[in-house]
């Protein structure tokens, strides 16, 4: 099998064709498209959005999308919730879950979606939802698109092959894939079951964060983002397209694959990113900088400098700060933090936070290192230390994140999570520094 080919760059103006000459030159919508294709524009922003924010691509396909969404039938997706959703009176406090096993009868990527928290209102295009996916089988003749938001997919174990209208993306643990709002796709499992996390972003599309005084380089560099090259399915067999619109799910029965785009051009396309290419910035003398320095992507809000959703990671890196408590400090934050662990051990929670697990620290609720991490960091030799065996991430929002009834009923919920701070003892002497 030949290696999957990609187009490099974040938000670039790309063009790609699976057949020579399939892409019209010099205009978007000729009277007759090459190969008898249909021209169709997919817009991820208003037509009048300013140029830097205008997102659209032209697709040249075997059949237009008007043939895809006809006679939709409402279906239930009992574990995929949409904001606003407050279906349980969750207790006030910090929450943590262990890893959930993929059940033997697990369905596909879409069928295995389980909502953990929601925020905002998808109809107002504000907020997000964080999901856990537990997938046991591939989507063969099943397809999906989400009209409510874009999907940021974070595999934790098991490789994914994500076939989109724009082409194929292969995504493994340690990588992420973003499927924009309205893009049709299906997911195959490359080597058995897969588990991971998904951020459903109702707001503005993810973009790279403003680096400020960091300058033009560092963090997630644009050249390291990959979009797929054109590939299409010319399949004339019964298929099913599922659509999420306004928090409800619909099924449309088709007689052909909707992934029939032979050529495309534009700047609105799926992409992947290898988190191991993130270039961290940190303290080289003293103190622990704000965790915002680990932001990979941000969905801006209407409040300057405050994210609707931020996606941050805590990657392998050197710690060299002198006379400094190196783990994250204790804090209360206006932002709400949903965390997951892809592999390894998180330095602020060396025990109890396992790969595949999750935690929720909502806005203005205090959190920080557990007692074990505090003791270790307070007594540690402060020579250079490399954290090279852990990769954690955070979906962070300016909005409160409300757990679902499903999340609160999981048997992996730690009923005694707050006890991890109980052994933080009084060290005050009153006798001077």
Protein backbone atom coordinates (compact mmCIF):
# COMPACT_ATOMS: atom_id res chain seq x y z
CA UNK A 1 0.00 0.00 0.00
CA UNK A 2 1.45 3.36 -1.00
CA UNK A 3 1.91 5.92 1.79
CA UNK A 4 -0.88 8.43 2.30
CA UNK A 5 -0.03 11.78 0.71
CA UNK A 6 -0.81 15.13 2.29
CA UNK A 7 -0.76 18.86 1.57
CA UNK A 8 1.32 20.83 4.08
CA UNK A 9 0.33 24.02 5.91
CA UNK A 10 -2.37 25.44 8.17
CA UNK A 11 -5.28 27.24 6.49
CA UNK A 12 -3.53 27.38 3.12
CA UNK A 13 -5.20 27.78 -0.26
CA UNK A 14 -4.88 24.22 -1.53
CA UNK A 15 -5.84 22.47 -4.74
CA UNK A 16 -5.89 18.75 -5.44
CA UNK A 17 -7.28 16.40 -8.08
CA UNK A 18 -7.55 12.62 -8.15
CA UNK A 19 -7.87 12.53 -11.94
CA UNK A 20 -5.77 14.66 -14.30
CA UNK A 21 -7.62 17.74 -15.47
CA UNK A 22 -10.55 17.27 -13.08
CA UNK A 23 -9.97 20.66 -11.45
CA UNK A 24 -11.28 23.58 -13.57
CA UNK A 25 -8.66 26.24 -14.22
CA UNK A 26 -9.34 29.98 -14.14
CA UNK A 27 -12.88 29.77 -12.76
CA UNK A 28 -14.89 27.99 -10.09
CA UNK A 29 -18.12 27.06 -11.84
CA UNK A 30 -17.72 26.42 -15.59
CA UNK A 31 -20.75 25.69 -17.76
CA UNK A 32 -19.58 22.09 -18.05
CA UNK A 33 -17.12 20.68 -15.54
CA UNK A 34 -14.46 18.16 -16.62
CA UNK A 35 -15.48 14.48 -16.48
CA UNK A 36 -19.14 15.50 -16.16
CA UNK A 37 -18.65 16.53 -12.52
CA UNK A 38 -20.83 18.91 -10.51
CA UNK A 39 -19.34 22.06 -8.96
CA UNK A 40 -20.33 22.73 -5.36
CA UNK A 41 -19.09 25.26 -2.80
CA UNK A 42 -18.78 24.32 0.88
CA UNK A 43 -18.67 27.45 3.05
CA UNK A 44 -17.47 27.35 6.65
CA UNK A 45 -18.06 31.07 7.16
CA UNK A 46 -20.40 33.78 5.94
CA UNK A 47 -19.78 34.92 2.37
CA UNK A 48 -18.95 38.39 3.71
CA UNK A 49 -16.47 37.30 6.41
CA UNK A 50 -13.18 39.23 6.26
CA UNK A 51 -10.56 37.58 4.07
CA UNK A 52 -8.45 36.17 6.95
CA UNK A 53 -11.58 34.52 8.41
CA UNK A 54 -13.29 33.48 5.18
CA UNK A 55 -13.41 29.69 4.91
CA UNK A 56 -14.65 27.94 1.76
CA UNK A 57 -13.72 25.24 -0.69
CA UNK A 58 -14.96 24.27 -4.13
CA UNK A 59 -15.70 20.57 -4.59
CA UNK A 60 -16.05 18.80 -7.94
CA UNK A 61 -18.10 15.70 -7.36
CA UNK A 62 -19.89 12.90 -9.18
CA UNK A 63 -23.25 13.87 -7.66
CA UNK A 64 -24.14 17.07 -5.75
CA UNK A 65 -24.98 17.04 -2.05
CA UNK A 66 -28.63 17.90 -2.72
CA UNK A 67 -29.03 14.18 -3.44
CA UNK A 68 -27.61 13.26 -0.02
CA UNK A 69 -30.07 14.87 2.40
CA UNK A 70 -33.51 13.85 1.13
CA UNK A 71 -36.31 12.34 3.18
CA UNK A 72 -34.27 12.34 6.40
CA UNK A 73 -35.59 10.11 9.16
CA UNK A 74 -35.12 11.08 12.79
CA UNK A 75 -33.07 8.57 14.78
CA UNK A 76 -31.92 8.37 18.39
CA UNK A 77 -28.35 8.64 19.64
CA UNK A 78 -28.90 8.10 23.33
CA UNK A 79 -25.37 8.81 24.55
CA UNK A 80 -24.44 11.76 22.29
CA UNK A 81 -25.75 14.90 23.99
CA UNK A 82 -25.76 18.50 22.76
CA UNK A 83 -25.66 21.77 24.70
CA UNK A 84 -27.67 23.12 26.34
CA UNK A 85 -27.84 19.89 28.32
CA UNK A 86 -28.30 19.78 32.08
CA UNK A 87 -29.88 16.38 32.49
CA UNK A 88 -28.36 15.71 35.91
CA UNK A 89 -27.79 17.73 39.06
CA UNK A 90 -24.07 17.07 39.35
CA UNK A 91 -22.44 17.87 42.69
CA UNK A 92 -20.22 20.91 43.01
CA UNK A 93 -16.60 19.88 42.95
CA UNK A 94 -13.73 18.44 41.00
CA UNK A 95 -14.36 15.21 39.09
CA UNK A 96 -12.17 12.44 37.75
CA UNK A 97 -12.84 9.24 35.83
CA UNK A 98 -10.71 6.17 35.17
CA UNK A 99 -10.36 4.64 31.72
CA UNK A 100 -13.39 2.92 30.19
CA UNK A 101 -12.87 -0.38 28.39
CA UNK A 102 -14.08 -0.82 24.83
CA UNK A 103 -16.97 -3.31 25.17
CA UNK A 104 -16.97 -6.47 23.07
CA UNK A 105 -20.15 -5.34 21.31
CA UNK A 106 -18.88 -1.81 20.66
CA UNK A 107 -20.20 -0.25 17.48
CA UNK A 108 -18.58 2.17 15.10
CA UNK A 109 -16.84 5.47 15.82
CA UNK A 110 -20.17 7.33 15.66
CA UNK A 111 -22.18 4.69 17.52
CA UNK A 112 -19.54 4.59 20.24
CA UNK A 113 -19.66 8.33 21.01
CA UNK A 114 -20.36 9.05 24.70
CA UNK A 115 -20.81 12.65 25.87
CA UNK A 116 -19.05 13.54 29.12
CA UNK A 117 -19.58 17.31 29.41
CA UNK A 118 -21.30 20.10 27.46
CA UNK A 119 -21.15 23.90 27.52
CA UNK A 120 -23.00 26.74 25.84
CA UNK A 121 -25.64 26.35 23.13
CA UNK A 122 -25.02 24.75 19.76
CA UNK A 123 -27.87 26.77 18.18
CA UNK A 124 -26.08 29.99 19.14
CA UNK A 125 -22.78 28.52 17.91
CA UNK A 126 -21.22 29.03 21.30
CA UNK A 127 -19.54 26.43 23.48
CA UNK A 128 -18.48 22.82 23.10
CA UNK A 129 -18.97 19.21 24.15
CA UNK A 130 -16.31 16.72 25.20
CA UNK A 131 -16.93 13.11 24.24
CA UNK A 132 -15.30 9.76 24.81
CA UNK A 133 -15.45 7.39 21.86
CA UNK A 134 -15.31 3.61 22.23
CA UNK A 135 -15.16 2.04 18.76
CA UNK A 136 -15.10 -1.67 17.96
CA UNK A 137 -15.84 -1.80 14.25
CA UNK A 138 -15.34 0.18 11.06
CA UNK A 139 -17.94 2.25 9.25
CA UNK A 140 -18.22 0.46 5.90
CA UNK A 141 -21.38 1.75 4.18
CA UNK A 142 -22.09 4.35 6.88
CA UNK A 143 -21.19 8.02 6.62
CA UNK A 144 -21.66 11.05 8.86
CA UNK A 145 -21.51 14.80 8.94
CA UNK A 146 -22.00 17.27 11.77
CA UNK A 147 -23.83 20.52 11.07
CA UNK A 148 -23.50 21.62 14.71
CA UNK A 149 -19.74 21.97 14.91
CA UNK A 150 -16.30 20.77 13.96
CA UNK A 151 -14.82 17.63 15.51
CA UNK A 152 -11.32 17.53 17.03
CA UNK A 153 -10.44 13.83 17.33
CA UNK A 154 -7.77 12.68 19.82
CA UNK A 155 -7.08 8.91 19.61
CA UNK A 156 -5.76 7.39 22.84
CA UNK A 157 -5.23 3.85 21.57
CA UNK A 158 -5.95 2.23 18.21
CA UNK A 159 -5.27 3.77 14.79
CA UNK A 160 -7.98 5.45 12.71
CA UNK A 161 -8.35 5.80 8.94
CA UNK A 162 -10.65 8.76 8.37
CA UNK A 163 -12.05 8.91 4.84
CA UNK A 164 -13.40 12.40 4.11
CA UNK A 165 -14.82 14.16 1.09
CA UNK A 166 -11.39 15.73 0.65
CA UNK A 167 -9.38 12.51 0.89
CA UNK A 168 -7.88 10.11 3.43
CA UNK A 169 -6.35 10.99 6.81
CA UNK A 170 -4.58 8.38 8.93
CA UNK A 171 -4.53 9.27 12.61
CA UNK A 172 -2.73 7.43 15.43
CA UNK A 173 -2.37 8.05 19.18
CA UNK A 174 -0.12 11.10 19.57
CA UNK A 175 -1.83 12.76 16.58
CA UNK A 176 -5.08 14.70 16.20
CA UNK A 177 -7.49 15.15 13.33
CA UNK A 178 -9.94 18.02 12.81
CA UNK A 179 -13.01 17.47 10.63
CA UNK A 180 -14.71 20.83 9.87
CA UNK A 181 -18.41 21.45 10.26
CA UNK A 182 -20.40 19.98 7.37
CA UNK A 183 -17.67 17.68 5.99
CA UNK A 184 -18.83 14.11 5.33
CA UNK A 185 -16.64 11.23 6.47
CA UNK A 186 -16.44 7.65 7.66
CA UNK A 187 -13.94 6.01 10.03
CA UNK A 188 -12.18 2.67 9.67
CA UNK A 189 -10.27 0.96 12.47
CA UNK A 190 -6.79 0.02 11.23
CA UNK A 191 -5.90 -2.60 13.85
CA UNK A 192 -8.73 -3.51 16.19
CA UNK A 193 -10.71 -1.43 18.69
CA UNK A 194 -9.96 2.22 19.34
CA UNK A 195 -10.59 4.58 22.24
CA UNK A 196 -10.12 8.31 22.41
CA UNK A 197 -11.54 11.74 22.97
CA UNK A 198 -13.47 14.20 20.80
CA UNK A 199 -14.04 17.93 21.23
CA UNK A 200 -17.16 19.07 19.39
CA UNK A 201 -16.62 22.80 18.86
CA UNK A 202 -19.84 24.73 18.27
CA UNK A 203 -18.07 28.07 17.89
CA UNK A 204 -15.60 29.68 15.51
CA UNK A 205 -13.30 27.21 13.73
CA UNK A 206 -10.06 26.30 15.45
CA UNK A 207 -7.10 28.40 14.46
CA UNK A 208 -3.52 28.86 15.64
CA UNK A 209 -3.16 30.98 18.78
CA UNK A 210 -1.72 34.48 18.71
CA UNK A 211 1.92 34.11 19.73
CA UNK A 212 2.48 37.70 20.86
CA UNK A 213 6.04 38.30 22.03
CA UNK A 214 6.96 34.67 21.28
CA UNK A 215 7.14 35.81 17.66
CA UNK A 216 6.76 33.96 14.39
CA UNK A 217 8.00 30.51 15.42
CA UNK A 218 7.33 27.93 18.10
CA UNK A 219 4.35 26.11 19.57
CA UNK A 220 2.45 24.46 16.69
CA UNK A 221 4.11 25.60 13.47
CA UNK A 222 1.83 25.96 10.42
CA UNK A 223 4.02 23.79 8.18
CA UNK A 224 3.34 20.73 10.37
CA UNK A 225 -0.39 20.57 9.65
CA UNK A 226 -1.39 18.14 6.88
CA UNK A 227 -4.56 18.16 4.76
CA UNK A 228 -5.51 15.22 2.51
CA UNK A 229 -5.07 14.97 -1.22
CA UNK A 230 -8.15 14.29 -3.34
CA UNK A 231 -9.43 10.71 -3.39
CA UNK A 232 -12.93 9.52 -4.15
CA UNK A 233 -15.26 6.56 -3.87
CA UNK A 234 -17.20 5.72 -7.04
CA UNK A 235 -19.45 3.24 -5.25
CA UNK A 236 -22.98 2.49 -6.48
CA UNK A 237 -24.31 0.46 -3.54
CA UNK A 238 -26.81 1.17 -0.74
CA UNK A 239 -25.29 3.51 1.87
CA UNK A 240 -26.46 5.39 4.93
CA UNK A 241 -25.66 9.01 5.74
CA UNK A 242 -26.25 10.17 9.29
CA UNK A 243 -26.56 13.88 9.97
CA UNK A 244 -26.34 15.79 13.27
CA UNK A 245 -28.29 19.04 13.04
CA UNK A 246 -29.57 21.13 15.95
CA UNK A 247 -28.68 18.43 18.45
CA UNK A 248 -30.83 15.84 16.69
CA UNK A 249 -29.77 12.94 14.48
CA UNK A 250 -31.14 11.93 11.10
CA UNK A 251 -30.60 9.08 8.68
CA UNK A 252 -30.66 9.42 4.90
CA UNK A 253 -30.61 6.31 2.71
CA UNK A 254 -28.46 6.64 -0.42
CA UNK A 255 -27.70 4.46 -3.43
CA UNK A 256 -24.11 5.69 -3.71
CA UNK A 257 -21.19 6.86 -1.61
CA UNK A 258 -21.27 10.58 -0.71
CA UNK A 259 -17.44 10.63 -0.71
CA UNK A 260 -17.39 11.21 -4.46
CA UNK A 261 -15.29 14.40 -4.68
CA UNK A 262 -12.81 13.98 -7.55
CA UNK A 263 -11.10 17.37 -7.16
CA UNK A 264 -11.19 20.34 -4.80
CA UNK A 265 -9.58 23.67 -4.04
CA UNK A 266 -9.88 26.16 -1.18
CA UNK A 267 -8.95 26.70 2.46
CA UNK A 268 -11.74 24.81 4.25
CA UNK A 269 -10.57 21.24 4.64
CA UNK A 270 -9.85 18.55 7.24
CA UNK A 271 -6.36 18.35 8.69
CA UNK A 272 -4.14 16.33 11.02
CA UNK A 273 -1.28 17.29 13.32
CA UNK A 274 1.37 15.23 15.09
CA UNK A 275 1.50 16.48 18.69
CA UNK A 276 5.14 15.35 18.92
CA UNK A 277 6.03 18.22 16.58
CA UNK A 278 4.84 20.80 19.10
CA UNK A 279 7.71 23.13 20.06
CA UNK A 280 7.21 23.95 23.76
CA UNK A 281 8.11 27.27 25.33
CA UNK A 282 8.92 27.31 29.04
CA UNK A 283 10.81 28.89 31.90
CA UNK A 284 14.58 28.83 31.50
CA UNK A 285 15.38 30.46 34.85
CA UNK A 286 12.55 30.40 37.43
CA UNK A 287 8.79 29.97 37.96
CA UNK A 288 6.14 28.03 36.04
CA UNK A 289 4.54 30.02 33.19
CA UNK A 290 0.79 30.05 32.64
CA UNK A 291 -0.42 26.84 30.94
CA UNK A 292 -1.64 28.89 27.97
CA UNK A 293 1.89 28.53 26.54
CA UNK A 294 0.92 24.95 25.66
CA UNK A 295 -2.02 25.96 23.41
CA UNK A 296 -2.06 24.11 20.10
CA UNK A 297 -5.35 25.43 18.68
CA UNK A 298 -7.94 27.96 19.79
CA UNK A 299 -11.54 28.70 18.85
CA UNK A 300 -11.83 32.47 19.40
CA UNK A 301 -14.81 34.02 21.17
CA UNK A 302 -16.26 37.51 20.91
CA UNK A 303 -14.22 38.45 24.00
CA UNK A 304 -10.73 39.49 22.97
CA UNK A 305 -8.06 37.01 24.04
CA UNK A 306 -10.53 34.56 25.60
CA UNK A 307 -11.16 31.24 23.89
CA UNK A 308 -14.52 29.67 23.23
CA UNK A 309 -12.42 26.50 23.33
CA UNK A 310 -8.67 26.10 23.65
CA UNK A 311 -6.86 22.84 22.94
CA UNK A 312 -3.65 22.58 24.97
CA UNK A 313 -1.19 19.75 25.51
CA UNK A 314 1.44 18.92 28.10
CA UNK A 315 4.09 17.23 25.96
CA UNK A 316 7.57 15.86 26.55
CA UNK A 317 9.86 18.75 27.56
CA UNK A 318 12.81 19.76 29.70
CA UNK A 319 12.33 21.35 33.11
CA UNK A 320 15.25 23.50 34.20
CA UNK A 321 13.79 26.28 36.39
CA UNK A 322 15.83 27.04 39.52
CA UNK A 323 14.41 27.31 43.09
CA UNK A 324 10.97 26.69 41.58
CA UNK A 325 8.01 24.45 42.35
CA UNK A 326 7.87 22.84 38.92
CA UNK A 327 4.43 21.19 38.65
CA UNK A 328 1.43 23.44 37.91
CA UNK A 329 0.70 25.60 40.91
CA UNK A 330 -2.55 25.60 42.89
CA UNK A 331 -5.07 27.89 41.27
CA UNK A 332 -8.64 28.96 40.59
CA UNK A 333 -9.31 29.82 36.98
CA UNK A 334 -12.05 31.66 35.09
CA UNK A 335 -11.72 28.92 32.47
CA UNK A 336 -13.11 25.38 32.77
CA UNK A 337 -10.68 22.51 32.17
CA UNK A 338 -11.46 19.04 30.80
CA UNK A 339 -8.31 16.91 30.79
CA UNK A 340 -7.34 13.56 29.33
CA UNK A 341 -4.16 11.48 29.33
CA UNK A 342 -2.99 9.81 26.14
CA UNK A 343 -0.01 7.99 27.64
CA UNK A 344 2.41 8.12 30.56
CA UNK A 345 2.04 9.81 33.93
CA UNK A 346 0.91 13.42 34.49
CA UNK A 347 3.34 15.26 36.75
CA UNK A 348 0.66 16.97 38.88
CA UNK A 349 -1.20 13.71 39.51
CA UNK A 350 1.34 10.84 39.58
CA UNK A 351 -1.29 8.46 40.98
CA UNK A 352 -4.93 7.94 40.02
CA UNK A 353 -4.93 9.68 36.63
CA UNK A 354 -4.45 6.90 34.10
CA UNK A 355 -4.19 6.85 30.28
CA UNK A 356 -7.70 6.93 28.88
CA UNK A 357 -8.98 8.67 32.01
CA UNK A 358 -10.50 12.14 32.32
CA UNK A 359 -10.85 14.95 34.83
CA UNK A 360 -13.00 18.07 35.12
CA UNK A 361 -11.99 21.21 36.97
CA UNK A 362 -14.71 23.75 36.38
CA UNK A 363 -14.43 27.52 36.46
CA UNK A 364 -13.49 28.99 39.83
CA UNK A 365 -13.08 25.63 41.53
CA UNK A 366 -9.61 25.21 43.10
CA UNK A 367 -7.29 22.49 41.89
CA UNK A 368 -3.62 21.65 41.62
CA UNK A 369 -1.05 18.97 42.48
CA UNK A 370 -2.08 16.17 44.80
CA UNK A 371 -0.26 15.59 48.07
CA UNK A 372 2.18 13.08 46.57
CA UNK A 373 3.16 15.46 43.75
CA UNK A 374 3.56 18.35 46.20
CA UNK A 375 5.89 16.41 48.45
CA UNK A 376 7.98 15.09 45.56
CA UNK A 377 8.29 18.51 43.88
CA UNK A 378 9.04 20.30 47.15
CA UNK A 379 11.95 17.98 47.92
CA UNK A 380 13.23 17.26 44.41
CA UNK A 381 16.75 17.89 43.18
CA UNK A 382 16.31 20.83 40.80
CA UNK A 383 18.76 19.72 38.17
CA UNK A 384 17.59 19.52 34.54
CA UNK A 385 14.88 16.86 34.19
CA UNK A 386 13.23 15.71 31.00
CA UNK A 387 9.57 14.71 31.03
CA UNK A 388 9.66 12.27 28.13
CA UNK A 389 7.09 9.62 29.02
CA UNK A 390 3.79 11.51 29.17
CA UNK A 391 1.32 13.29 26.89
CA UNK A 392 -1.73 14.92 28.46
CA UNK A 393 -4.16 17.37 26.89
CA UNK A 394 -6.86 19.83 27.90
CA UNK A 395 -10.06 21.12 26.32
CA UNK A 396 -10.49 24.50 28.03
CA UNK A 397 -13.51 26.80 27.72
CA UNK A 398 -14.56 30.14 29.15
CA UNK A 399 -17.98 28.52 29.80
CA UNK A 400 -18.96 26.15 32.63
CA UNK A 401 -18.82 22.48 31.61
CA UNK A 402 -21.81 20.45 32.76
CA UNK A 403 -21.40 16.66 33.17
CA UNK A 404 -24.02 14.42 31.58
CA UNK A 405 -26.06 11.78 33.38
CA UNK A 406 -24.04 9.19 31.48
CA UNK A 407 -20.77 10.61 32.82
CA UNK A 408 -22.07 10.71 36.39
CA UNK A 409 -23.27 7.10 36.16
CA UNK A 410 -19.97 5.65 34.92
CA UNK A 411 -18.50 3.10 37.29
CA UNK A 412 -15.09 4.61 36.52
CA UNK A 413 -16.05 7.86 38.30
CA UNK A 414 -13.74 8.36 41.28
CA UNK A 415 -16.03 8.91 44.25
CA UNK A 416 -13.08 9.98 46.41
CA UNK A 417 -11.16 12.18 43.97
CA UNK A 418 -10.95 15.14 46.37
CA UNK A 419 -9.18 12.89 48.89
CA UNK A 420 -5.99 13.27 46.83
CA UNK A 421 -5.53 16.65 48.57
CA UNK A 422 -6.39 15.46 52.09
CA UNK A 423 -2.76 14.78 53.04
CA UNK A 424 -1.68 18.34 52.27
CA UNK A 425 -0.63 19.16 55.82
CA UNK A 426 0.02 22.42 57.59
CA UNK A 427 3.65 23.45 57.11
CA UNK A 428 3.38 26.94 58.58
CA UNK A 429 5.82 27.64 61.41
CA UNK A 430 5.29 31.32 62.13
CA UNK A 431 9.00 31.63 62.87
CA UNK A 432 10.10 33.48 59.77
CA UNK A 433 10.91 32.34 56.23
